[in-house]
Amino acid sequence: MTEALIELAHVWKIFGEGEAETVAVRDVSLTIEKGEFVAIIGTSGSGKSTLMNQIGILDTPTRGDVFINHHKVSDMSENERARVRRVELGFVFQQFNLIPTFTVLENVEIPMVLKEVEMDERREKASLILDSLELRHRLNYYPGQLSGGQQQRVAIARALVNDPGIILADEPTGNLDTKSGAMVFDILNSLRDQGKTIVLITHDPNLAGKTERTIRMQDGEVV
C-alpha cells in the first residue's frame, strides 16, 4: 500500500501584477509517494525550481494547497513552516550553500544547532555522517579547501543530519564533473534504498532517466 508523502492540489505561483504578471507555476496537482525517487525535469524557466520551492515550503503558493506528510503546510504560520522544514525536509543545492568561514564539521552541525541539540551529540552525529560519506579526514577543513564533489557531499551530510524523510535536491550535480556527479547520484540512490523520499530537480534527461519517475515541466505546467 502506497502512502502520499507530498501532495500539491491546484497550485499556482504568480509573480508581479498587471502587465508585469508572470505565471511561474500553473494549476499543478501531483502526488509523490513515500520512498519514491522522482525527478522534476524542465528547461530553464519551465517552473521546476519554483515548484521545488512550493514542495520545500520555501515559498507560499498564490493559490492552491501543499501537503507534507498529511499536514496542510500552505496555511501554516512561518514558525510552523520552519519547524516542518527542520524536521521533515533536507535540502541539497547546486551552489552547495556552505558557510565559508565554518569548518566541514561546523557546517554539518548547523541544522542541529537550530534544533538545540547538545554540542557533544552534534559532534558525534556530524562525524558519523561525514565518515559514511568518506569525509572523516576533512572534518576541520574549510569549504574552500575542498573539491566541488567533496563540498556537495558535505551539503548532503548537512541535509541528512536531522534524519528527514524527504530530500530535495536542486540540480545537485550541476557544478560537478562527471565522476563527482555520478558519486552524488549514487549517494541519493542509496538514500532512497534506505527509505528516504528523493525529489531531484534537473534539466538533464539522462539523470532524470535513472530515477523511478519523471515529472516534466513546461511553461509552468506539468506536461
C-alpha atoms as a PDB file:
ATOM      1  CA  MET A   1       0.000   0.000   0.000  1.00  0.00           C
ATOM      2  CA  THR A   2       1.417   3.361  -1.016  1.00  0.00           C
ATOM      3  CA  GLU A   3       1.386   6.480   1.118  1.00  0.00           C
ATOM      4  CA  ALA A   4       1.298  10.020  -0.257  1.00  0.00           C
ATOM      5  CA  LEU A   5       4.064  11.978   1.457  1.00  0.00           C
ATOM      6  CA  ILE A   6       3.928  15.083  -0.752  1.00  0.00           C
ATOM      7  CA  GLU A   7       0.747  16.382  -2.356  1.00  0.00           C
ATOM      8  CA  LEU A   8       0.090  19.538  -4.372  1.00  0.00           C
ATOM      9  CA  ALA A   9      -3.506  20.430  -5.179  1.00  0.00           C
ATOM     10  CA  HIS A  10      -4.126  23.034  -7.907  1.00  0.00           C
ATOM     11  CA  VAL A  11      -1.046  25.069  -7.003  1.00  0.00           C
ATOM     12  CA  TRP A  12      -0.417  28.382  -8.756  1.00  0.00           C
ATOM     13  CA  LYS A  13       2.523  30.749  -8.260  1.00  0.00           C
ATOM     14  CA  ILE A  14       2.160  34.172  -9.834  1.00  0.00           C
ATOM     15  CA  PHE A  15       4.759  36.937  -9.605  1.00  0.00           C
ATOM     16  CA  GLY A  16       4.018  40.608 -10.265  1.00  0.00           C
ATOM     17  CA  GLU A  17       0.757  42.269 -11.202  1.00  0.00           C
ATOM     18  CA  GLY A  18      -0.998  43.607 -14.277  1.00  0.00           C
ATOM     19  CA  GLU A  19       1.218  43.756 -17.374  1.00  0.00           C
ATOM     20  CA  ALA A  20       4.202  42.576 -15.279  1.00  0.00           C
ATOM     21  CA  GLU A  21       2.372  39.436 -14.131  1.00  0.00           C
ATOM     22  CA  THR A  22       4.260  36.176 -14.659  1.00  0.00           C
ATOM     23  CA  VAL A  23       2.728  32.767 -14.031  1.00  0.00           C
ATOM     24  CA  ALA A  24       5.633  30.573 -12.847  1.00  0.00           C
ATOM     25  CA  VAL A  25       3.524  27.571 -11.784  1.00  0.00           C
ATOM     26  CA  ARG A  26       0.115  26.995 -13.361  1.00  0.00           C
ATOM     27  CA  ASP A  27      -2.521  24.792 -11.692  1.00  0.00           C
ATOM     28  CA  VAL A  28      -0.171  21.935 -10.744  1.00  0.00           C
ATOM     29  CA  SER A  29      -1.560  18.887  -8.951  1.00  0.00           C
ATOM     30  CA  LEU A  30       0.738  15.959  -8.156  1.00  0.00           C
ATOM     31  CA  THR A  31       1.442  13.296  -5.560  1.00  0.00           C
ATOM     32  CA  ILE A  32       4.784  11.801  -4.525  1.00  0.00           C
ATOM     33  CA  GLU A  33       4.670   8.584  -2.542  1.00  0.00           C
ATOM     34  CA  LYS A  34       6.799   7.694   0.456  1.00  0.00           C
ATOM     35  CA  GLY A  35      10.086   6.116  -0.663  1.00  0.00           C
ATOM     36  CA  GLU A  36       9.885   7.290  -4.285  1.00  0.00           C
ATOM     37  CA  PHE A  37      12.836   8.705  -6.234  1.00  0.00           C
ATOM     38  CA  VAL A  38      11.240  11.302  -8.528  1.00  0.00           C
ATOM     39  CA  ALA A  39      12.839  13.697 -10.993  1.00  0.00           C
ATOM     40  CA  ILE A  40      11.240  17.024 -11.905  1.00  0.00           C
ATOM     41  CA  ILE A  41      12.716  17.994 -15.263  1.00  0.00           C
ATOM     42  CA  GLY A  42      12.435  21.016 -17.489  1.00  0.00           C
ATOM     43  CA  THR A  43      14.439  23.678 -19.276  1.00  0.00           C
ATOM     44  CA  SER A  44      15.458  26.951 -17.647  1.00  0.00           C
ATOM     45  CA  GLY A  45      12.301  28.985 -16.962  1.00  0.00           C
ATOM     46  CA  SER A  46       9.988  25.969 -17.057  1.00  0.00           C
ATOM     47  CA  GLY A  47       8.958  26.473 -13.429  1.00  0.00           C
ATOM     48  CA  LYS A  48      10.715  23.459 -11.927  1.00  0.00           C
ATOM     49  CA  SER A  49      12.695  25.389  -9.292  1.00  0.00           C
ATOM     50  CA  THR A  50       9.631  27.456  -8.354  1.00  0.00           C
ATOM     51  CA  LEU A  51       7.757  24.170  -7.974  1.00  0.00           C
ATOM     52  CA  MET A  52      10.522  22.851  -5.716  1.00  0.00           C
ATOM     53  CA  ASN A  53      10.177  25.972  -3.566  1.00  0.00           C
ATOM     54  CA  GLN A  54       6.495  25.098  -3.108  1.00  0.00           C
ATOM     55  CA  ILE A  55       7.288  21.473  -2.194  1.00  0.00           C
ATOM     56  CA  GLY A  56      10.058  22.630   0.136  1.00  0.00           C
ATOM     57  CA  ILE A  57       7.761  25.313   1.630  1.00  0.00           C
ATOM     58  CA  LEU A  58      10.395  27.936   0.928  1.00  0.00           C
ATOM     59  CA  ASP A  59       7.601  29.943  -0.670  1.00  0.00           C
ATOM     60  CA  THR A  60       3.793  30.068  -0.440  1.00  0.00           C
ATOM     61  CA  PRO A  61       1.507  29.405  -3.398  1.00  0.00           C
ATOM     62  CA  THR A  62      -0.640  32.200  -4.798  1.00  0.00           C
ATOM     63  CA  ARG A  63      -3.478  29.683  -4.937  1.00  0.00           C
ATOM     64  CA  GLY A  64      -3.824  26.023  -4.097  1.00  0.00           C
ATOM     65  CA  ASP A  65      -2.691  23.748  -1.277  1.00  0.00           C
ATOM     66  CA  VAL A  66       0.525  21.928  -0.345  1.00  0.00           C
ATOM     67  CA  PHE A  67       0.520  18.915   1.980  1.00  0.00           C
ATOM     68  CA  ILE A  68       3.672  17.400   3.508  1.00  0.00           C
ATOM     69  CA  ASN A  69       3.201  14.134   5.407  1.00  0.00           C
ATOM     70  CA  HIS A  70      -0.575  14.835   5.524  1.00  0.00           C
ATOM     71  CA  HIS A  71      -0.104  18.307   7.044  1.00  0.00           C
ATOM     72  CA  LYS A  72      -1.513  21.263   5.092  1.00  0.00           C
ATOM     73  CA  VAL A  73       1.570  23.483   5.135  1.00  0.00           C
ATOM     74  CA  SER A  74       0.272  26.176   2.787  1.00  0.00           C
ATOM     75  CA  ASP A  75      -1.889  27.580   5.614  1.00  0.00           C
ATOM     76  CA  MET A  76       0.740  27.372   8.366  1.00  0.00           C
ATOM     77  CA  SER A  77       2.445  30.296  10.092  1.00  0.00           C
ATOM     78  CA  GLU A  78       6.086  30.936   9.218  1.00  0.00           C
ATOM     79  CA  ASN A  79       7.220  29.412  12.537  1.00  0.00           C
ATOM     80  CA  GLU A  80       5.210  26.258  11.860  1.00  0.00           C
ATOM     81  CA  ARG A  81       6.578  26.052   8.328  1.00  0.00           C
ATOM     82  CA  ALA A  82      10.136  26.468   9.628  1.00  0.00           C
ATOM     83  CA  ARG A  83       9.576  23.573  12.031  1.00  0.00           C
ATOM     84  CA  VAL A  84       8.361  21.321   9.183  1.00  0.00           C
ATOM     85  CA  ARG A  85      11.434  22.266   7.127  1.00  0.00           C
ATOM     86  CA  ARG A  86      13.726  21.396  10.054  1.00  0.00           C
ATOM     87  CA  VAL A  87      12.037  18.075  10.829  1.00  0.00           C
ATOM     88  CA  GLU A  88      10.685  16.718   7.545  1.00  0.00           C
ATOM     89  CA  LEU A  89      12.960  18.122   4.822  1.00  0.00           C
ATOM     90  CA  GLY A  90      16.621  18.090   3.834  1.00  0.00           C
ATOM     91  CA  PHE A  91      17.889  20.400   1.063  1.00  0.00           C
ATOM     92  CA  VAL A  92      20.793  19.951  -1.365  1.00  0.00           C
ATOM     93  CA  PHE A  93      21.506  22.846  -3.756  1.00  0.00           C
ATOM     94  CA  GLN A  94      23.603  23.270  -6.887  1.00  0.00           C
ATOM     95  CA  GLN A  95      25.701  26.016  -5.247  1.00  0.00           C
ATOM     96  CA  PHE A  96      26.368  23.914  -2.078  1.00  0.00           C
ATOM     97  CA  ASN A  97      25.436  26.895   0.190  1.00  0.00           C
ATOM     98  CA  LEU A  98      28.162  26.085   2.716  1.00  0.00           C
ATOM     99  CA  ILE A  99      29.366  28.807   5.096  1.00  0.00           C
ATOM    100  CA  PRO A 100      32.966  29.514   4.011  1.00  0.00           C
ATOM    101  CA  THR A 101      34.196  30.545   7.483  1.00  0.00           C
ATOM    102  CA  PHE A 102      32.850  27.354   9.118  1.00  0.00           C
ATOM    103  CA  THR A 103      34.719  24.042   9.031  1.00  0.00           C
ATOM    104  CA  VAL A 104      33.178  20.979   7.386  1.00  0.00           C
ATOM    105  CA  LEU A 105      32.094  19.701  10.807  1.00  0.00           C
ATOM    106  CA  GLU A 106      30.578  23.052  11.803  1.00  0.00           C
ATOM    107  CA  ASN A 107      28.635  23.303   8.522  1.00  0.00           C
ATOM    108  CA  VAL A 108      27.082  19.880   9.082  1.00  0.00           C
ATOM    109  CA  GLU A 109      26.189  20.766  12.675  1.00  0.00           C
ATOM    110  CA  ILE A 110      24.092  23.821  11.684  1.00  0.00           C
ATOM    111  CA  PRO A 111      20.685  22.054  11.433  1.00  0.00           C
ATOM    112  CA  MET A 112      21.250  20.500  14.861  1.00  0.00           C
ATOM    113  CA  VAL A 113      22.168  23.887  16.348  1.00  0.00           C
ATOM    114  CA  LEU A 114      18.756  25.125  15.156  1.00  0.00           C
ATOM    115  CA  LYS A 115      17.164  22.163  16.962  1.00  0.00           C
ATOM    116  CA  GLU A 116      19.199  22.987  20.102  1.00  0.00           C
ATOM    117  CA  VAL A 117      20.968  19.605  20.184  1.00  0.00           C
ATOM    118  CA  GLU A 118      23.778  19.410  22.773  1.00  0.00           C
ATOM    119  CA  MET A 119      27.277  20.026  21.388  1.00  0.00           C
ATOM    120  CA  ASP A 120      28.706  16.564  22.144  1.00  0.00           C
ATOM    121  CA  GLU A 121      25.787  14.871  20.394  1.00  0.00           C
ATOM    122  CA  ARG A 122      26.092  17.276  17.457  1.00  0.00           C
ATOM    123  CA  ARG A 123      29.784  16.489  17.038  1.00  0.00           C
ATOM    124  CA  GLU A 124      29.197  12.748  17.213  1.00  0.00           C
ATOM    125  CA  LYS A 125      26.314  12.684  14.727  1.00  0.00           C
ATOM    126  CA  ALA A 126      28.029  15.024  12.259  1.00  0.00           C
ATOM    127  CA  SER A 127      31.258  12.994  12.430  1.00  0.00           C
ATOM    128  CA  LEU A 128      29.413   9.715  11.822  1.00  0.00           C
ATOM    129  CA  ILE A 129      27.559  11.034   8.771  1.00  0.00           C
ATOM    130  CA  LEU A 130      30.722  12.573   7.312  1.00  0.00           C
ATOM    131  CA  ASP A 131      32.516   9.279   7.896  1.00  0.00           C
ATOM    132  CA  SER A 132      29.779   7.426   5.967  1.00  0.00           C
ATOM    133  CA  LEU A 133      30.351   9.836   3.052  1.00  0.00           C
ATOM    134  CA  GLU A 134      34.149   9.255   3.179  1.00  0.00           C
ATOM    135  CA  LEU A 135      34.916  12.705   4.599  1.00  0.00           C
ATOM    136  CA  ARG A 136      36.184  11.963   8.110  1.00  0.00           C
ATOM    137  CA  HIS A 137      39.681  13.124   7.059  1.00  0.00           C
ATOM    138  CA  ARG A 138      38.210  16.534   6.122  1.00  0.00           C
ATOM    139  CA  LEU A 139      36.343  17.468   9.343  1.00  0.00           C
ATOM    140  CA  ASN A 140      38.479  20.514  10.120  1.00  0.00           C
ATOM    141  CA  TYR A 141      38.891  21.705   6.537  1.00  0.00           C
ATOM    142  CA  TYR A 142      37.052  24.761   5.214  1.00  0.00           C
ATOM    143  CA  PRO A 143      34.804  24.585   2.106  1.00  0.00           C
ATOM    144  CA  GLY A 144      37.372  26.496   0.029  1.00  0.00           C
ATOM    145  CA  GLN A 145      39.890  23.704   0.661  1.00  0.00           C
ATOM    146  CA  LEU A 146      37.599  21.051  -0.847  1.00  0.00           C
ATOM    147  CA  SER A 147      36.780  19.947  -4.383  1.00  0.00           C
ATOM    148  CA  GLY A 148      33.289  20.531  -5.757  1.00  0.00           C
ATOM    149  CA  GLY A 149      32.357  16.885  -5.239  1.00  0.00           C
ATOM    150  CA  GLN A 150      33.549  16.985  -1.633  1.00  0.00           C
ATOM    151  CA  GLN A 151      31.593  20.193  -0.975  1.00  0.00           C
ATOM    152  CA  GLN A 152      28.442  18.597  -2.331  1.00  0.00           C
ATOM    153  CA  ARG A 153      28.956  15.561  -0.085  1.00  0.00           C
ATOM    154  CA  VAL A 154      29.256  17.956   2.879  1.00  0.00           C
ATOM    155  CA  ALA A 155      25.978  19.573   1.765  1.00  0.00           C
ATOM    156  CA  ILE A 156      24.345  16.120   1.621  1.00  0.00           C
ATOM    157  CA  ALA A 157      25.653  15.334   5.118  1.00  0.00           C
ATOM    158  CA  ARG A 158      24.133  18.600   6.359  1.00  0.00           C
ATOM    159  CA  ALA A 159      20.799  17.684   4.704  1.00  0.00           C
ATOM    160  CA  LEU A 160      20.795  14.261   6.391  1.00  0.00           C
ATOM    161  CA  VAL A 161      21.920  15.115   9.899  1.00  0.00           C
ATOM    162  CA  ASN A 162      18.400  15.636  11.315  1.00  0.00           C
ATOM    163  CA  ASP A 163      17.210  12.415   9.609  1.00  0.00           C
ATOM    164  CA  PRO A 164      14.460  13.962   7.419  1.00  0.00           C
ATOM    165  CA  GLY A 165      12.143  11.710   5.453  1.00  0.00           C
ATOM    166  CA  ILE A 166      12.333  13.867   2.309  1.00  0.00           C
ATOM    167  CA  ILE A 167      15.452  15.039   0.453  1.00  0.00           C
ATOM    168  CA  LEU A 168      15.001  17.857  -2.091  1.00  0.00           C
ATOM    169  CA  ALA A 169      17.982  18.099  -4.443  1.00  0.00           C
ATOM    170  CA  ASP A 170      18.019  21.093  -6.822  1.00  0.00           C
ATOM    171  CA  GLU A 171      20.498  20.437  -9.678  1.00  0.00           C
ATOM    172  CA  PRO A 172      22.876  18.730  -7.200  1.00  0.00           C
ATOM    173  CA  THR A 173      25.291  17.623  -9.940  1.00  0.00           C
ATOM    174  CA  GLY A 174      25.115  20.868 -11.957  1.00  0.00           C
ATOM    175  CA  ASN A 175      28.503  22.218 -10.831  1.00  0.00           C
ATOM    176  CA  LEU A 176      30.322  18.878 -10.740  1.00  0.00           C
ATOM    177  CA  ASP A 177      32.482  16.892 -13.142  1.00  0.00           C
ATOM    178  CA  THR A 178      31.104  13.609 -14.471  1.00  0.00           C
ATOM    179  CA  LYS A 179      32.782  11.382 -11.866  1.00  0.00           C
ATOM    180  CA  SER A 180      31.738  13.540  -8.882  1.00  0.00           C
ATOM    181  CA  GLY A 181      28.229  13.883 -10.301  1.00  0.00           C
ATOM    182  CA  ALA A 182      27.906  10.103 -10.591  1.00  0.00           C
ATOM    183  CA  MET A 183      29.036   9.700  -6.974  1.00  0.00           C
ATOM    184  CA  VAL A 184      26.453  12.223  -5.744  1.00  0.00           C
ATOM    185  CA  PHE A 185      23.700  10.477  -7.710  1.00  0.00           C
ATOM    186  CA  ASP A 186      24.755   7.116  -6.259  1.00  0.00           C
ATOM    187  CA  ILE A 187      24.504   8.600  -2.751  1.00  0.00           C
ATOM    188  CA  LEU A 188      20.972   9.831  -3.483  1.00  0.00           C
ATOM    189  CA  ASN A 189      20.081   6.395  -4.834  1.00  0.00           C
ATOM    190  CA  SER A 190      21.385   4.711  -1.693  1.00  0.00           C
ATOM    191  CA  LEU A 191      19.318   7.092   0.440  1.00  0.00           C
ATOM    192  CA  ARG A 192      16.242   6.026  -1.491  1.00  0.00           C
ATOM    193  CA  ASP A 193      17.178   2.394  -0.725  1.00  0.00           C
ATOM    194  CA  GLN A 194      17.207   3.371   2.970  1.00  0.00           C
ATOM    195  CA  GLY A 195      13.591   4.542   2.701  1.00  0.00           C
ATOM    196  CA  LYS A 196      14.085   8.263   2.045  1.00  0.00           C
ATOM    197  CA  THR A 197      11.861  10.061  -0.457  1.00  0.00           C
ATOM    198  CA  ILE A 198      14.042  11.856  -3.018  1.00  0.00           C
ATOM    199  CA  VAL A 199      12.892  14.710  -5.256  1.00  0.00           C
ATOM    200  CA  LEU A 200      15.529  15.633  -7.843  1.00  0.00           C
ATOM    201  CA  ILE A 201      15.263  18.875  -9.823  1.00  0.00           C
ATOM    202  CA  THR A 202      17.257  18.647 -13.055  1.00  0.00           C
ATOM    203  CA  HIS A 203      17.466  19.800 -16.668  1.00  0.00           C
ATOM    204  CA  ASP A 204      19.420  16.624 -17.585  1.00  0.00           C
ATOM    205  CA  PRO A 205      17.251  13.913 -19.207  1.00  0.00           C
ATOM    206  CA  ASN A 206      19.988  11.297 -18.702  1.00  0.00           C
ATOM    207  CA  LEU A 207      19.968  11.917 -14.952  1.00  0.00           C
ATOM    208  CA  ALA A 208      16.171  12.004 -14.799  1.00  0.00           C
ATOM    209  CA  GLY A 209      16.043   8.717 -16.694  1.00  0.00           C
ATOM    210  CA  LYS A 210      17.837   6.963 -13.831  1.00  0.00           C
ATOM    211  CA  THR A 211      15.065   7.782 -11.337  1.00  0.00           C
ATOM    212  CA  GLU A 212      11.810   5.866 -10.854  1.00  0.00           C
ATOM    213  CA  ARG A 213       9.509   8.537 -12.262  1.00  0.00           C
ATOM    214  CA  THR A 214       9.874  11.774 -14.188  1.00  0.00           C
ATOM    215  CA  ILE A 215       7.600  14.806 -13.877  1.00  0.00           C
ATOM    216  CA  ARG A 216       8.161  17.116 -16.844  1.00  0.00           C
ATOM    217  CA  MET A 217       7.572  20.878 -16.507  1.00  0.00           C
ATOM    218  CA  GLN A 218       6.993  23.286 -19.397  1.00  0.00           C
ATOM    219  CA  ASP A 219       5.767  26.891 -19.140  1.00  0.00           C
ATOM    220  CA  GLY A 220       4.789  26.363 -15.503  1.00  0.00           C
ATOM    221  CA  GLU A 221       2.674  23.276 -16.164  1.00  0.00           C
ATOM    222  CA  VAL A 222       3.189  19.542 -15.697  1.00  0.00           C
ATOM    223  CA  VAL A 223       3.154  18.037 -19.182  1.00  0.00           C
END
